[in-house]
Amino acid sequence: MEKINREDMLELTRRMTLKRNCFDRMAGAYLDGEGFVDGTFNKHFQKLSAKDQQFNLTIAKAVPFSDTNVQLKEYLFGEADKKPGSTWQMLMALKECGLKNDAMLDVFYEEFGKVCQTGSGYAVYFFHGSYDVPLKAEDKESLWESEEVYQFLICAVCPVSGDYEAGEPECGFLFPAFKDRSSDTDRIDVFAADGKSLYAGALQKLLFP
């Protein structure tokens, strides 16, 4: 396990505000306590109301803004983790299509539900974003030129109450990892608010079976 640079995460979260929003699409599912899907959605992020955008930005931002190298840890995908039909392969495809493949998302929700039965309802949220990574001058000031466009997924798993009202994220991930201000598809940054969480254990099992 390698260390995550806190500055990389802060650079990303600065693009997760209403005025500097980096997200173009979000999707998700609501699952019951036995892991069965109750309903799904897939929306253009920019078409949400300002209130809904802010609510969902708070959920997405919780992953990279969490306690670096304590709650948010970096993991390396080995060759065995990248085999055909793997979760890694699915995440790569979801990133490339920008969350526009509902059938593939349904497979993820169903697979997660198989390993996560907590006895109470929860939600799985996906966000697709892109960030034009600016070049850095020798004095570390940003230049206008873009070094690369970092396309990424954030996933957040939240308990729900009442009428599908989501609570604070229990676990999630940032993929690909944002390492040395660049995309690293061999790595993933996994978030767990509490190491004892059933949700976090299920996510680890799905990512690294």
N, C-alpha and C. Protein backbone atom coordinates (compact mmCIF):
# COMPACT_ATOMS: atom_id res chain seq x y z
N MET A 1 0.84 -1.19 0.00
CA MET A 1 0.00 0.00 0.00
C MET A 1 0.88 1.25 0.00
N GLU A 2 0.60 2.17 -0.92
CA GLU A 2 1.39 3.38 -1.02
C GLU A 2 0.64 4.57 -0.43
N LYS A 3 1.40 5.63 -0.15
CA LYS A 3 0.82 6.82 0.46
C LYS A 3 0.14 7.70 -0.58
N ILE A 4 -0.96 8.32 -0.18
CA ILE A 4 -1.66 9.29 -1.02
C ILE A 4 -1.18 10.68 -0.65
N ASN A 5 -0.90 11.49 -1.64
CA ASN A 5 -0.51 12.88 -1.40
C ASN A 5 -1.76 13.71 -1.11
N ARG A 6 -1.83 14.25 0.08
CA ARG A 6 -3.00 15.03 0.49
C ARG A 6 -3.25 16.20 -0.45
N GLU A 7 -2.19 16.81 -0.96
CA GLU A 7 -2.34 17.96 -1.87
C GLU A 7 -3.05 17.57 -3.15
N ASP A 8 -2.83 16.34 -3.63
CA ASP A 8 -3.54 15.87 -4.83
C ASP A 8 -5.04 15.83 -4.58
N MET A 9 -5.43 15.34 -3.39
CA MET A 9 -6.85 15.24 -3.07
C MET A 9 -7.48 16.64 -2.90
N LEU A 10 -6.76 17.54 -2.27
CA LEU A 10 -7.28 18.89 -2.09
C LEU A 10 -7.42 19.61 -3.43
N GLU A 11 -6.51 19.33 -4.36
CA GLU A 11 -6.59 19.93 -5.69
C GLU A 11 -7.88 19.49 -6.38
N LEU A 12 -8.23 18.20 -6.21
CA LEU A 12 -9.47 17.70 -6.80
C LEU A 12 -10.70 18.32 -6.16
N THR A 13 -10.73 18.36 -4.83
CA THR A 13 -11.94 18.83 -4.14
C THR A 13 -12.21 20.30 -4.38
N ARG A 14 -11.20 21.04 -4.78
CA ARG A 14 -11.44 22.46 -5.11
C ARG A 14 -12.30 22.60 -6.36
N ARG A 15 -12.44 21.52 -7.12
CA ARG A 15 -13.30 21.52 -8.32
C ARG A 15 -14.66 20.90 -8.02
N MET A 16 -14.97 20.73 -6.77
CA MET A 16 -16.24 20.11 -6.38
C MET A 16 -17.10 21.10 -5.61
N THR A 17 -17.34 22.25 -6.25
CA THR A 17 -18.22 23.27 -5.70
C THR A 17 -19.22 23.66 -6.78
N LEU A 18 -20.27 24.38 -6.40
CA LEU A 18 -21.27 24.80 -7.38
C LEU A 18 -20.65 25.64 -8.50
N LYS A 19 -19.70 26.49 -8.15
CA LYS A 19 -19.10 27.38 -9.15
C LYS A 19 -18.03 26.70 -9.97
N ARG A 20 -17.40 25.67 -9.41
CA ARG A 20 -16.30 25.00 -10.12
C ARG A 20 -16.56 23.50 -10.16
N ASN A 21 -17.74 23.15 -10.61
CA ASN A 21 -18.17 21.74 -10.59
C ASN A 21 -17.52 20.94 -11.71
N CYS A 22 -16.92 19.80 -11.33
CA CYS A 22 -16.22 18.97 -12.31
C CYS A 22 -17.05 17.78 -12.78
N PHE A 23 -18.27 17.62 -12.26
CA PHE A 23 -19.07 16.44 -12.58
C PHE A 23 -20.06 16.70 -13.72
N ASP A 24 -20.22 15.70 -14.59
CA ASP A 24 -21.18 15.83 -15.69
C ASP A 24 -22.35 14.84 -15.56
N ARG A 25 -22.16 13.76 -14.80
CA ARG A 25 -23.22 12.76 -14.68
C ARG A 25 -23.14 12.05 -13.34
N MET A 26 -24.30 11.66 -12.83
CA MET A 26 -24.34 10.82 -11.64
C MET A 26 -25.39 9.73 -11.83
N ALA A 27 -25.15 8.61 -11.21
CA ALA A 27 -26.08 7.48 -11.30
C ALA A 27 -26.07 6.78 -9.95
N GLY A 28 -27.07 5.95 -9.73
CA GLY A 28 -27.08 5.26 -8.46
C GLY A 28 -28.22 4.28 -8.33
N ALA A 29 -28.20 3.57 -7.22
CA ALA A 29 -29.23 2.57 -6.93
C ALA A 29 -29.54 2.57 -5.44
N TYR A 30 -30.77 2.22 -5.13
CA TYR A 30 -31.19 2.03 -3.74
C TYR A 30 -31.39 0.54 -3.53
N LEU A 31 -30.78 0.00 -2.49
CA LEU A 31 -30.86 -1.43 -2.20
C LEU A 31 -31.47 -1.66 -0.83
N ASP A 32 -32.18 -2.77 -0.69
CA ASP A 32 -32.78 -3.08 0.60
C ASP A 32 -31.76 -3.81 1.48
N GLY A 33 -32.17 -4.16 2.69
CA GLY A 33 -31.27 -4.78 3.64
C GLY A 33 -30.73 -6.13 3.22
N GLU A 34 -31.41 -6.76 2.25
CA GLU A 34 -30.96 -8.06 1.76
C GLU A 34 -30.12 -7.93 0.49
N GLY A 35 -29.85 -6.69 0.08
CA GLY A 35 -28.99 -6.48 -1.08
C GLY A 35 -29.70 -6.47 -2.42
N PHE A 36 -31.04 -6.43 -2.41
CA PHE A 36 -31.79 -6.38 -3.67
C PHE A 36 -32.04 -4.94 -4.08
N VAL A 37 -31.93 -4.67 -5.37
CA VAL A 37 -32.11 -3.31 -5.89
C VAL A 37 -33.58 -2.91 -5.85
N ASP A 38 -33.87 -1.79 -5.21
CA ASP A 38 -35.24 -1.26 -5.14
C ASP A 38 -35.53 -0.27 -6.26
N GLY A 39 -34.51 0.41 -6.74
CA GLY A 39 -34.69 1.41 -7.80
C GLY A 39 -33.36 2.00 -8.20
N THR A 40 -33.30 2.55 -9.42
CA THR A 40 -32.07 3.15 -9.93
C THR A 40 -32.36 4.50 -10.56
N PHE A 41 -31.31 5.27 -10.79
CA PHE A 41 -31.44 6.55 -11.50
C PHE A 41 -30.15 6.85 -12.24
N ASN A 42 -30.23 7.70 -13.24
CA ASN A 42 -29.07 8.12 -14.02
C ASN A 42 -29.38 9.52 -14.55
N LYS A 43 -28.63 10.52 -14.10
CA LYS A 43 -28.98 11.91 -14.38
C LYS A 43 -27.78 12.73 -14.86
N HIS A 44 -28.09 13.73 -15.68
CA HIS A 44 -27.09 14.72 -16.06
C HIS A 44 -26.91 15.66 -14.86
N PHE A 45 -25.70 15.71 -14.33
CA PHE A 45 -25.48 16.45 -13.09
C PHE A 45 -25.82 17.93 -13.21
N GLN A 46 -25.47 18.53 -14.35
CA GLN A 46 -25.67 19.98 -14.52
C GLN A 46 -27.14 20.36 -14.61
N LYS A 47 -28.01 19.38 -14.86
CA LYS A 47 -29.44 19.69 -14.97
C LYS A 47 -30.17 19.57 -13.63
N LEU A 48 -29.46 19.16 -12.59
CA LEU A 48 -30.05 19.12 -11.26
C LEU A 48 -30.23 20.54 -10.72
N SER A 49 -31.17 20.71 -9.80
CA SER A 49 -31.32 22.02 -9.16
C SER A 49 -30.07 22.33 -8.35
N ALA A 50 -29.85 23.59 -8.05
CA ALA A 50 -28.68 24.00 -7.27
C ALA A 50 -28.67 23.28 -5.91
N LYS A 51 -29.84 23.13 -5.32
CA LYS A 51 -29.94 22.45 -4.03
C LYS A 51 -29.52 20.99 -4.15
N ASP A 52 -30.00 20.30 -5.19
CA ASP A 52 -29.66 18.90 -5.38
C ASP A 52 -28.18 18.74 -5.75
N GLN A 53 -27.67 19.67 -6.55
CA GLN A 53 -26.25 19.62 -6.87
C GLN A 53 -25.40 19.72 -5.62
N GLN A 54 -25.75 20.66 -4.75
CA GLN A 54 -24.98 20.86 -3.53
C GLN A 54 -25.04 19.63 -2.63
N PHE A 55 -26.22 19.04 -2.51
CA PHE A 55 -26.38 17.84 -1.69
C PHE A 55 -25.49 16.72 -2.20
N ASN A 56 -25.50 16.52 -3.53
CA ASN A 56 -24.71 15.43 -4.10
C ASN A 56 -23.22 15.73 -4.15
N LEU A 57 -22.86 16.99 -4.28
CA LEU A 57 -21.45 17.37 -4.20
C LEU A 57 -20.88 17.04 -2.83
N THR A 58 -21.69 17.24 -1.80
CA THR A 58 -21.25 16.93 -0.45
C THR A 58 -20.96 15.44 -0.29
N ILE A 59 -21.82 14.61 -0.90
CA ILE A 59 -21.61 13.16 -0.85
C ILE A 59 -20.34 12.78 -1.60
N ALA A 60 -20.19 13.28 -2.82
CA ALA A 60 -19.03 12.93 -3.65
C ALA A 60 -17.73 13.41 -3.01
N LYS A 61 -17.76 14.62 -2.50
CA LYS A 61 -16.55 15.24 -1.94
C LYS A 61 -16.06 14.52 -0.68
N ALA A 62 -16.98 13.84 0.01
CA ALA A 62 -16.61 13.15 1.25
C ALA A 62 -15.51 12.12 1.03
N VAL A 63 -15.45 11.55 -0.17
CA VAL A 63 -14.45 10.51 -0.45
C VAL A 63 -13.04 11.09 -0.54
N PRO A 64 -12.74 11.99 -1.48
CA PRO A 64 -11.37 12.52 -1.55
C PRO A 64 -10.99 13.46 -0.41
N PHE A 65 -12.00 14.04 0.26
CA PHE A 65 -11.72 15.00 1.32
C PHE A 65 -11.55 14.32 2.68
N SER A 66 -11.70 13.00 2.72
CA SER A 66 -11.58 12.27 3.99
C SER A 66 -10.13 12.25 4.48
N ASP A 67 -9.92 11.67 5.63
CA ASP A 67 -8.60 11.66 6.28
C ASP A 67 -7.64 10.80 5.45
N THR A 68 -6.73 11.46 4.74
CA THR A 68 -5.82 10.79 3.81
C THR A 68 -4.91 9.80 4.53
N ASN A 69 -4.81 8.60 3.94
CA ASN A 69 -3.98 7.51 4.45
C ASN A 69 -4.47 6.93 5.79
N VAL A 70 -5.65 7.37 6.23
CA VAL A 70 -6.29 6.80 7.40
C VAL A 70 -7.66 6.25 6.99
N GLN A 71 -8.55 7.15 6.54
CA GLN A 71 -9.84 6.72 6.00
C GLN A 71 -9.74 6.44 4.50
N LEU A 72 -8.88 7.16 3.82
CA LEU A 72 -8.69 7.00 2.37
C LEU A 72 -7.33 6.38 2.11
N LYS A 73 -7.32 5.17 1.56
CA LYS A 73 -6.07 4.45 1.34
C LYS A 73 -5.96 3.99 -0.11
N GLU A 74 -4.72 3.92 -0.56
CA GLU A 74 -4.45 3.54 -1.96
C GLU A 74 -4.13 2.06 -2.06
N TYR A 75 -4.74 1.42 -3.08
CA TYR A 75 -4.51 -0.01 -3.30
C TYR A 75 -4.11 -0.23 -4.76
N LEU A 76 -3.27 -1.24 -4.96
CA LEU A 76 -2.79 -1.59 -6.29
C LEU A 76 -3.55 -2.80 -6.82
N PHE A 77 -4.02 -2.69 -8.06
CA PHE A 77 -4.65 -3.84 -8.72
C PHE A 77 -3.55 -4.73 -9.31
N GLY A 78 -3.53 -5.99 -8.92
CA GLY A 78 -2.60 -6.94 -9.52
C GLY A 78 -3.15 -7.46 -10.84
N GLU A 79 -2.33 -8.21 -11.55
CA GLU A 79 -2.77 -8.74 -12.84
C GLU A 79 -4.00 -9.64 -12.68
N ALA A 80 -4.06 -10.39 -11.59
CA ALA A 80 -5.20 -11.28 -11.37
C ALA A 80 -6.49 -10.50 -11.14
N ASP A 81 -6.35 -9.25 -10.65
CA ASP A 81 -7.52 -8.41 -10.40
C ASP A 81 -8.07 -7.78 -11.68
N LYS A 82 -7.33 -7.91 -12.77
CA LYS A 82 -7.72 -7.26 -14.03
C LYS A 82 -8.23 -8.25 -15.07
N LYS A 83 -8.47 -9.46 -14.67
CA LYS A 83 -8.89 -10.47 -15.63
C LYS A 83 -10.26 -10.13 -16.22
N PRO A 84 -10.61 -10.72 -17.38
CA PRO A 84 -11.92 -10.45 -17.98
C PRO A 84 -13.06 -10.73 -17.00
N GLY A 85 -14.02 -9.82 -16.95
CA GLY A 85 -15.14 -9.96 -16.04
C GLY A 85 -14.88 -9.42 -14.65
N SER A 86 -13.70 -8.84 -14.42
CA SER A 86 -13.34 -8.32 -13.11
C SER A 86 -14.01 -6.98 -12.84
N THR A 87 -14.04 -6.60 -11.57
CA THR A 87 -14.57 -5.30 -11.21
C THR A 87 -13.72 -4.19 -11.81
N TRP A 88 -12.40 -4.38 -11.86
CA TRP A 88 -11.51 -3.39 -12.48
C TRP A 88 -11.90 -3.14 -13.93
N GLN A 89 -12.16 -4.21 -14.67
CA GLN A 89 -12.54 -4.07 -16.08
C GLN A 89 -13.86 -3.31 -16.20
N MET A 90 -14.79 -3.58 -15.28
CA MET A 90 -16.07 -2.89 -15.30
C MET A 90 -15.90 -1.39 -15.01
N LEU A 91 -15.04 -1.07 -14.04
CA LEU A 91 -14.81 0.34 -13.70
C LEU A 91 -14.15 1.09 -14.85
N MET A 92 -13.24 0.44 -15.53
CA MET A 92 -12.61 1.07 -16.70
C MET A 92 -13.66 1.40 -17.75
N ALA A 93 -14.57 0.46 -17.99
CA ALA A 93 -15.61 0.67 -19.00
C ALA A 93 -16.59 1.75 -18.57
N LEU A 94 -16.94 1.79 -17.29
CA LEU A 94 -17.86 2.83 -16.80
C LEU A 94 -17.22 4.21 -16.89
N LYS A 95 -15.92 4.28 -16.65
CA LYS A 95 -15.22 5.56 -16.79
C LYS A 95 -15.24 6.02 -18.24
N GLU A 96 -14.95 5.10 -19.15
CA GLU A 96 -14.86 5.45 -20.57
C GLU A 96 -16.21 5.88 -21.13
N CYS A 97 -17.31 5.26 -20.67
CA CYS A 97 -18.63 5.61 -21.20
C CYS A 97 -19.27 6.76 -20.42
N GLY A 98 -18.60 7.23 -19.37
CA GLY A 98 -19.14 8.34 -18.60
C GLY A 98 -20.45 8.02 -17.89
N LEU A 99 -20.58 6.77 -17.43
CA LEU A 99 -21.77 6.30 -16.71
C LEU A 99 -23.03 6.24 -17.58
N LYS A 100 -22.85 6.12 -18.88
CA LYS A 100 -24.00 6.12 -19.77
C LYS A 100 -24.46 4.72 -20.15
N ASN A 101 -23.93 3.70 -19.48
CA ASN A 101 -24.32 2.32 -19.77
C ASN A 101 -25.08 1.78 -18.55
N ASP A 102 -26.40 1.87 -18.60
CA ASP A 102 -27.22 1.46 -17.46
C ASP A 102 -27.11 -0.05 -17.19
N ALA A 103 -26.98 -0.85 -18.23
CA ALA A 103 -26.89 -2.29 -18.05
C ALA A 103 -25.63 -2.65 -17.25
N MET A 104 -24.53 -1.98 -17.55
CA MET A 104 -23.29 -2.25 -16.83
C MET A 104 -23.38 -1.78 -15.38
N LEU A 105 -24.03 -0.64 -15.17
CA LEU A 105 -24.24 -0.16 -13.81
C LEU A 105 -25.09 -1.14 -13.02
N ASP A 106 -26.12 -1.69 -13.66
CA ASP A 106 -26.98 -2.67 -12.99
C ASP A 106 -26.19 -3.88 -12.52
N VAL A 107 -25.22 -4.30 -13.34
CA VAL A 107 -24.38 -5.44 -12.95
C VAL A 107 -23.59 -5.09 -11.69
N PHE A 108 -23.05 -3.87 -11.64
CA PHE A 108 -22.28 -3.46 -10.46
C PHE A 108 -23.17 -3.47 -9.22
N TYR A 109 -24.36 -2.87 -9.33
CA TYR A 109 -25.25 -2.82 -8.17
C TYR A 109 -25.60 -4.23 -7.68
N GLU A 110 -25.89 -5.11 -8.63
CA GLU A 110 -26.28 -6.47 -8.26
C GLU A 110 -25.12 -7.23 -7.62
N GLU A 111 -23.91 -7.04 -8.15
CA GLU A 111 -22.75 -7.71 -7.58
C GLU A 111 -22.45 -7.17 -6.18
N PHE A 112 -22.61 -5.86 -6.01
CA PHE A 112 -22.38 -5.29 -4.68
C PHE A 112 -23.43 -5.80 -3.70
N GLY A 113 -24.68 -5.89 -4.15
CA GLY A 113 -25.74 -6.38 -3.29
C GLY A 113 -25.50 -7.81 -2.82
N LYS A 114 -24.83 -8.60 -3.64
CA LYS A 114 -24.55 -10.00 -3.28
C LYS A 114 -23.60 -10.10 -2.09
N VAL A 115 -22.70 -9.11 -1.96
CA VAL A 115 -21.71 -9.16 -0.87
C VAL A 115 -22.05 -8.21 0.27
N CYS A 116 -23.13 -7.44 0.11
CA CYS A 116 -23.48 -6.44 1.13
C CYS A 116 -24.95 -6.56 1.53
N GLN A 117 -25.19 -7.34 2.56
CA GLN A 117 -26.53 -7.44 3.15
C GLN A 117 -26.41 -7.00 4.61
N THR A 118 -26.85 -5.79 4.89
CA THR A 118 -26.64 -5.20 6.22
C THR A 118 -27.90 -5.23 7.09
N GLY A 119 -29.02 -5.63 6.50
CA GLY A 119 -30.26 -5.63 7.27
C GLY A 119 -31.02 -4.32 7.21
N SER A 120 -30.44 -3.31 6.59
CA SER A 120 -31.11 -2.02 6.42
C SER A 120 -30.77 -1.44 5.05
N GLY A 121 -31.62 -0.53 4.57
CA GLY A 121 -31.45 0.00 3.22
C GLY A 121 -30.24 0.91 3.06
N TYR A 122 -29.71 0.93 1.85
CA TYR A 122 -28.57 1.80 1.57
C TYR A 122 -28.58 2.19 0.09
N ALA A 123 -27.74 3.16 -0.24
CA ALA A 123 -27.65 3.64 -1.61
C ALA A 123 -26.22 3.56 -2.11
N VAL A 124 -26.08 3.28 -3.39
CA VAL A 124 -24.77 3.31 -4.06
C VAL A 124 -24.81 4.44 -5.08
N TYR A 125 -23.97 5.43 -4.89
CA TYR A 125 -23.91 6.58 -5.80
C TYR A 125 -22.65 6.52 -6.64
N PHE A 126 -22.78 6.87 -7.92
CA PHE A 126 -21.64 7.02 -8.82
C PHE A 126 -21.63 8.44 -9.38
N PHE A 127 -20.43 9.00 -9.48
CA PHE A 127 -20.25 10.31 -10.09
C PHE A 127 -19.14 10.19 -11.13
N HIS A 128 -19.35 10.80 -12.30
CA HIS A 128 -18.31 10.85 -13.32
C HIS A 128 -17.86 12.30 -13.47
N GLY A 129 -16.56 12.50 -13.38
CA GLY A 129 -16.02 13.85 -13.49
C GLY A 129 -14.80 13.91 -14.38
N SER A 130 -14.43 15.10 -14.74
CA SER A 130 -13.20 15.32 -15.51
C SER A 130 -12.53 16.60 -15.03
N TYR A 131 -11.23 16.59 -15.03
CA TYR A 131 -10.46 17.72 -14.52
C TYR A 131 -9.29 17.99 -15.46
N ASP A 132 -9.25 19.19 -16.04
CA ASP A 132 -8.11 19.61 -16.86
C ASP A 132 -6.96 19.94 -15.91
N VAL A 133 -6.01 19.05 -15.81
CA VAL A 133 -4.92 19.22 -14.87
C VAL A 133 -3.96 20.27 -15.41
N PRO A 134 -3.83 21.43 -14.76
CA PRO A 134 -2.97 22.48 -15.28
C PRO A 134 -1.49 22.16 -15.04
N LEU A 135 -0.67 22.63 -15.95
CA LEU A 135 0.77 22.51 -15.76
C LEU A 135 1.17 23.33 -14.54
N LYS A 136 2.23 22.88 -13.88
CA LYS A 136 2.76 23.63 -12.75
C LYS A 136 4.11 24.21 -13.11
N ALA A 137 4.29 25.51 -12.84
CA ALA A 137 5.57 26.16 -13.08
C ALA A 137 6.56 25.71 -12.00
N GLU A 138 7.81 26.08 -12.15
CA GLU A 138 8.84 25.67 -11.19
C GLU A 138 8.55 26.22 -9.80
N ASP A 139 7.85 27.34 -9.72
CA ASP A 139 7.51 27.90 -8.41
C ASP A 139 6.19 27.34 -7.88
N LYS A 140 5.70 26.27 -8.56
CA LYS A 140 4.48 25.54 -8.18
C LYS A 140 3.19 26.33 -8.45
N GLU A 141 3.30 27.48 -9.10
CA GLU A 141 2.11 28.21 -9.51
C GLU A 141 1.52 27.55 -10.75
N SER A 142 0.20 27.55 -10.85
CA SER A 142 -0.45 26.92 -11.99
C SER A 142 -0.31 27.76 -13.25
N LEU A 143 -0.09 27.09 -14.38
CA LEU A 143 -0.09 27.75 -15.68
C LEU A 143 -1.43 27.47 -16.36
N TRP A 144 -1.71 28.20 -17.42
CA TRP A 144 -3.00 28.04 -18.10
C TRP A 144 -3.08 26.75 -18.89
N GLU A 145 -1.94 26.26 -19.42
CA GLU A 145 -1.97 25.09 -20.26
C GLU A 145 -2.40 23.85 -19.47
N SER A 146 -3.15 22.98 -20.14
CA SER A 146 -3.58 21.74 -19.50
C SER A 146 -2.58 20.64 -19.78
N GLU A 147 -2.22 19.90 -18.73
CA GLU A 147 -1.26 18.81 -18.87
C GLU A 147 -1.95 17.54 -19.36
N GLU A 148 -3.12 17.26 -18.82
CA GLU A 148 -3.94 16.12 -19.25
C GLU A 148 -5.35 16.33 -18.72
N VAL A 149 -6.29 15.59 -19.29
CA VAL A 149 -7.66 15.59 -18.77
C VAL A 149 -7.83 14.30 -17.97
N TYR A 150 -8.00 14.48 -16.69
CA TYR A 150 -8.16 13.34 -15.78
C TYR A 150 -9.65 13.02 -15.66
N GLN A 151 -10.06 11.88 -16.23
CA GLN A 151 -11.44 11.42 -16.11
C GLN A 151 -11.52 10.40 -14.99
N PHE A 152 -12.53 10.52 -14.14
CA PHE A 152 -12.56 9.68 -12.97
C PHE A 152 -13.98 9.35 -12.52
N LEU A 153 -14.06 8.34 -11.68
CA LEU A 153 -15.30 7.94 -11.03
C LEU A 153 -15.14 8.10 -9.53
N ILE A 154 -16.19 8.57 -8.89
CA ILE A 154 -16.28 8.49 -7.44
C ILE A 154 -17.51 7.65 -7.13
N CYS A 155 -17.33 6.69 -6.24
CA CYS A 155 -18.44 5.88 -5.76
C CYS A 155 -18.58 6.13 -4.26
N ALA A 156 -19.82 6.27 -3.80
CA ALA A 156 -20.09 6.46 -2.38
C ALA A 156 -21.26 5.58 -1.97
N VAL A 157 -21.10 4.87 -0.87
CA VAL A 157 -22.16 4.00 -0.34
C VAL A 157 -22.68 4.64 0.95
N CYS A 158 -23.98 4.93 0.97
CA CYS A 158 -24.58 5.64 2.09
C CYS A 158 -25.78 4.87 2.64
N PRO A 159 -25.93 4.81 3.96
CA PRO A 159 -27.17 4.27 4.52
C PRO A 159 -28.31 5.22 4.20
N VAL A 160 -29.51 4.70 4.07
CA VAL A 160 -30.66 5.55 3.78
C VAL A 160 -31.74 5.35 4.84
N SER A 161 -32.54 6.38 5.02
CA SER A 161 -33.66 6.31 5.96
C SER A 161 -34.87 6.99 5.32
N GLY A 162 -36.05 6.67 5.84
CA GLY A 162 -37.26 7.32 5.33
C GLY A 162 -37.45 7.10 3.85
N ASP A 163 -37.74 8.18 3.14
CA ASP A 163 -38.01 8.12 1.71
C ASP A 163 -36.70 8.25 0.92
N TYR A 164 -35.87 7.21 1.00
CA TYR A 164 -34.58 7.17 0.31
C TYR A 164 -33.70 8.38 0.65
N GLU A 165 -33.72 8.81 1.90
CA GLU A 165 -32.89 9.95 2.32
C GLU A 165 -31.51 9.44 2.71
N ALA A 166 -30.50 9.83 1.96
CA ALA A 166 -29.15 9.32 2.17
C ALA A 166 -28.45 10.01 3.33
N GLY A 167 -27.75 9.20 4.12
CA GLY A 167 -26.93 9.73 5.19
C GLY A 167 -25.50 9.92 4.70
N GLU A 168 -24.58 10.14 5.62
CA GLU A 168 -23.18 10.35 5.26
C GLU A 168 -22.58 9.05 4.71
N PRO A 169 -21.68 9.17 3.72
CA PRO A 169 -21.07 7.97 3.13
C PRO A 169 -20.33 7.13 4.15
N GLU A 170 -20.53 5.82 4.05
CA GLU A 170 -19.82 4.86 4.91
C GLU A 170 -18.53 4.39 4.25
N CYS A 171 -18.56 4.29 2.92
CA CYS A 171 -17.38 3.86 2.18
C CYS A 171 -17.52 4.30 0.73
N GLY A 172 -16.48 4.05 -0.05
CA GLY A 172 -16.50 4.44 -1.46
C GLY A 172 -15.10 4.37 -2.04
N PHE A 173 -14.95 4.97 -3.22
CA PHE A 173 -13.62 4.97 -3.84
C PHE A 173 -13.50 6.06 -4.90
N LEU A 174 -12.26 6.35 -5.25
CA LEU A 174 -11.90 7.23 -6.35
C LEU A 174 -11.10 6.39 -7.33
N PHE A 175 -11.58 6.31 -8.58
CA PHE A 175 -10.90 5.51 -9.60
C PHE A 175 -10.91 6.23 -10.93
N PRO A 176 -9.79 6.22 -11.65
CA PRO A 176 -8.47 5.77 -11.25
C PRO A 176 -7.91 6.65 -10.12
N ALA A 177 -6.88 6.17 -9.45
CA ALA A 177 -6.23 6.99 -8.44
C ALA A 177 -5.66 8.25 -9.10
N PHE A 178 -5.67 9.35 -8.38
CA PHE A 178 -5.06 10.60 -8.84
C PHE A 178 -3.70 10.68 -8.15
N LYS A 179 -2.67 10.24 -8.85
CA LYS A 179 -1.34 10.09 -8.25
C LYS A 179 -0.33 10.95 -8.99
N ASP A 180 0.42 11.73 -8.25
CA ASP A 180 1.38 12.67 -8.84
C ASP A 180 0.70 13.55 -9.89
N ARG A 181 -0.53 13.96 -9.55
CA ARG A 181 -1.33 14.86 -10.40
C ARG A 181 -1.61 14.24 -11.77
N SER A 182 -1.81 12.93 -11.78
CA SER A 182 -2.08 12.23 -13.04
C SER A 182 -2.93 10.99 -12.77
N SER A 183 -3.55 10.48 -13.83
CA SER A 183 -4.39 9.29 -13.73
C SER A 183 -3.54 8.03 -13.62
N ASP A 184 -3.88 7.16 -12.67
CA ASP A 184 -3.18 5.89 -12.51
C ASP A 184 -4.21 4.78 -12.44
N THR A 185 -4.44 4.11 -13.58
CA THR A 185 -5.49 3.09 -13.65
C THR A 185 -5.09 1.78 -12.97
N ASP A 186 -3.83 1.66 -12.55
CA ASP A 186 -3.41 0.47 -11.81
C ASP A 186 -3.75 0.57 -10.33
N ARG A 187 -4.20 1.76 -9.89
CA ARG A 187 -4.46 1.99 -8.47
C ARG A 187 -5.85 2.58 -8.25
N ILE A 188 -6.34 2.39 -7.04
CA ILE A 188 -7.64 2.91 -6.63
C ILE A 188 -7.52 3.43 -5.21
N ASP A 189 -8.16 4.55 -4.93
CA ASP A 189 -8.18 5.12 -3.59
C ASP A 189 -9.50 4.75 -2.93
N VAL A 190 -9.42 3.93 -1.90
CA VAL A 190 -10.61 3.36 -1.26
C VAL A 190 -10.88 4.07 0.07
N PHE A 191 -12.12 4.50 0.24
CA PHE A 191 -12.55 5.24 1.43
C PHE A 191 -13.36 4.34 2.35
N ALA A 192 -13.06 4.40 3.65
CA ALA A 192 -13.86 3.73 4.67
C ALA A 192 -13.94 4.66 5.87
N ALA A 193 -15.14 5.16 6.15
CA ALA A 193 -15.30 6.07 7.28
C ALA A 193 -14.93 5.40 8.59
N ASP A 194 -15.24 4.11 8.68
CA ASP A 194 -14.95 3.32 9.86
C ASP A 194 -14.50 1.94 9.40
N GLY A 195 -13.32 1.53 9.81
CA GLY A 195 -12.77 0.25 9.35
C GLY A 195 -13.62 -0.95 9.70
N LYS A 196 -14.54 -0.81 10.66
CA LYS A 196 -15.38 -1.92 11.07
C LYS A 196 -16.70 -1.98 10.30
N SER A 197 -16.91 -1.03 9.39
CA SER A 197 -18.16 -0.93 8.66
C SER A 197 -18.40 -2.17 7.79
N LEU A 198 -19.63 -2.70 7.83
CA LEU A 198 -19.99 -3.81 6.96
C LEU A 198 -19.93 -3.40 5.50
N TYR A 199 -20.29 -2.14 5.23
CA TYR A 199 -20.25 -1.64 3.85
C TYR A 199 -18.81 -1.66 3.32
N ALA A 200 -17.88 -1.19 4.13
CA ALA A 200 -16.48 -1.13 3.71
C ALA A 200 -15.92 -2.52 3.45
N GLY A 201 -16.28 -3.47 4.31
CA GLY A 201 -15.82 -4.84 4.11
C GLY A 201 -16.35 -5.44 2.83
N ALA A 202 -17.61 -5.14 2.52
CA ALA A 202 -18.22 -5.65 1.29
C ALA A 202 -17.55 -5.05 0.07
N LEU A 203 -17.22 -3.76 0.13
CA LEU A 203 -16.59 -3.09 -1.01
C LEU A 203 -15.21 -3.69 -1.28
N GLN A 204 -14.45 -3.95 -0.23
CA GLN A 204 -13.14 -4.57 -0.40
C GLN A 204 -13.29 -5.94 -1.06
N LYS A 205 -14.29 -6.67 -0.65
CA LYS A 205 -14.51 -8.03 -1.21
C LYS A 205 -14.86 -7.96 -2.70
N LEU A 206 -15.59 -6.92 -3.09
CA LEU A 206 -15.97 -6.78 -4.49
C LEU A 206 -14.78 -6.34 -5.34
N LEU A 207 -13.98 -5.42 -4.82
CA LEU A 207 -12.84 -4.90 -5.58
C LEU A 207 -11.70 -5.91 -5.69
N PHE A 208 -11.47 -6.62 -4.59
CA PHE A 208 -10.36 -7.57 -4.54
C PHE A 208 -10.85 -8.93 -4.04
N PRO A 209 -11.59 -9.65 -4.87
CA PRO A 209 -12.18 -10.94 -4.46
C PRO A 209 -11.11 -12.00 -4.16
